[in-house]
Amino acid sequence: MEAGLLRIAKEALNNALQHANATRIDLGLSLSAEQVQLMIHDDGCGFDPQNIDTSRHGLVGITERARLLTADLSIEIQLNEGTRVTATLVATRGNDA
């Protein structure tokens, strides 16, 4: 589980730094008895999800990693205001992807 969340965080941070022209990136991890939640929020330019360069694999990797973790993935985009990536998974054994 830890490695999967780390990979999601690294890719989201990389996207914010390389593509979003972000000046601020917030990263949070919350743990409770019921769930683990990872959140990365940037103040960059956002993007149009219908117009993604298919030669780039960042979002595909994030989505696939969340699927392997059986995590709920939310990607909220506001053009010219930023992107928020949230991965939430139930804290149980077996989430080892």
Protein backbone atom coordinates (compact mmCIF):
# COMPACT_ATOMS: atom_id res chain seq x y z
CA MET A 1 0.00 0.00 0.00
CA GLU A 2 2.75 2.45 0.95
CA ALA A 3 4.66 1.94 -2.30
CA GLY A 4 1.51 2.42 -4.37
CA LEU A 5 0.59 5.66 -2.61
CA LEU A 6 4.18 6.89 -2.98
CA ARG A 7 4.06 6.24 -6.73
CA ILE A 8 0.76 8.11 -7.05
CA ALA A 9 2.20 11.05 -5.10
CA LYS A 10 5.40 11.12 -7.16
CA GLU A 11 3.54 11.14 -10.45
CA ALA A 12 1.05 13.81 -9.33
CA LEU A 13 3.92 15.99 -8.07
CA ASN A 14 5.85 15.44 -11.29
CA ASN A 15 2.80 16.44 -13.36
CA ALA A 16 2.32 19.60 -11.30
CA LEU A 17 5.97 20.57 -11.65
CA GLN A 18 6.43 19.71 -15.33
CA HIS A 19 3.09 20.58 -16.88
CA ALA A 20 0.99 22.81 -14.63
CA ASN A 21 3.36 25.72 -13.96
CA ALA A 22 2.28 25.45 -10.33
CA THR A 23 3.68 27.87 -7.77
CA ARG A 24 2.24 25.97 -4.81
CA ILE A 25 1.69 22.26 -4.23
CA ASP A 26 0.05 20.89 -1.09
CA LEU A 27 0.44 17.23 -0.20
CA GLY A 28 -1.49 15.57 2.59
CA LEU A 29 -1.84 12.10 3.99
CA SER A 30 -4.52 11.28 6.51
CA LEU A 31 -4.86 8.02 8.38
CA SER A 32 -7.71 6.72 10.43
CA ALA A 33 -8.85 3.30 11.56
CA GLU A 34 -11.19 3.18 8.54
CA GLN A 35 -9.21 4.70 5.67
CA VAL A 36 -6.03 6.18 4.26
CA GLN A 37 -6.32 9.27 2.08
CA LEU A 38 -3.62 10.88 -0.06
CA MET A 39 -4.27 14.35 -1.48
CA ILE A 40 -2.12 16.42 -3.82
CA HIS A 41 -3.37 19.88 -4.79
CA ASP A 42 -1.60 22.38 -7.03
CA ASP A 43 -2.41 25.90 -8.12
CA GLY A 44 -1.32 25.37 -11.71
CA CYS A 45 -3.08 25.79 -15.02
CA GLY A 46 -5.12 22.59 -14.85
CA PHE A 47 -5.80 20.62 -18.01
CA ASP A 48 -8.55 19.48 -20.31
CA PRO A 49 -9.08 15.75 -19.66
CA GLN A 50 -10.55 15.38 -23.17
CA ASN A 51 -7.33 16.70 -24.71
CA ILE A 52 -4.53 14.68 -23.12
CA ASP A 53 -1.38 13.79 -25.05
CA THR A 54 -1.65 10.01 -25.36
CA SER A 55 2.14 9.66 -25.53
CA ARG A 56 2.24 10.74 -21.87
CA HIS A 57 1.50 8.08 -19.28
CA GLY A 58 1.32 9.99 -15.98
CA LEU A 59 -2.45 9.97 -15.51
CA VAL A 60 -2.67 6.42 -16.83
CA GLY A 61 -0.10 5.36 -14.22
CA ILE A 62 -1.94 7.14 -11.43
CA THR A 63 -5.24 5.54 -12.46
CA GLU A 64 -3.70 2.08 -12.77
CA ARG A 65 -1.92 2.32 -9.41
CA ALA A 66 -5.18 3.39 -7.71
CA ARG A 67 -6.97 0.46 -9.35
CA LEU A 68 -4.33 -1.98 -8.09
CA LEU A 69 -4.74 -0.55 -4.59
CA THR A 70 -8.54 -0.72 -4.90
CA ALA A 71 -8.50 2.97 -4.02
CA ASP A 72 -11.16 5.48 -4.96
CA LEU A 73 -9.46 8.06 -7.18
CA SER A 74 -10.71 11.57 -7.71
CA ILE A 75 -9.07 14.06 -10.08
CA GLU A 76 -10.65 17.49 -9.87
CA ILE A 77 -9.56 20.04 -12.45
CA GLN A 78 -10.22 23.76 -12.55
CA LEU A 79 -8.68 25.41 -15.59
CA ASN A 80 -6.26 28.17 -14.60
CA GLU A 81 -6.80 27.33 -10.92
CA GLY A 82 -5.24 23.91 -10.41
CA THR A 83 -5.75 20.22 -9.98
CA ARG A 84 -6.53 18.08 -6.95
CA VAL A 85 -5.72 14.37 -6.96
CA THR A 86 -7.21 12.34 -4.11
CA ALA A 87 -6.74 8.62 -3.55
CA THR A 88 -8.78 7.06 -0.76
CA LEU A 89 -8.61 3.45 0.32
CA VAL A 90 -10.10 1.42 3.09
CA ALA A 91 -7.41 0.55 5.60
CA THR A 92 -7.40 -3.22 5.39
CA ARG A 93 -4.81 -5.88 4.81
CA GLY A 94 -4.40 -6.91 1.22
CA ASN A 95 -3.88 -3.42 -0.25
CA ASP A 96 -0.28 -4.19 -1.14
CA ALA A 97 -0.01 -2.98 -4.76
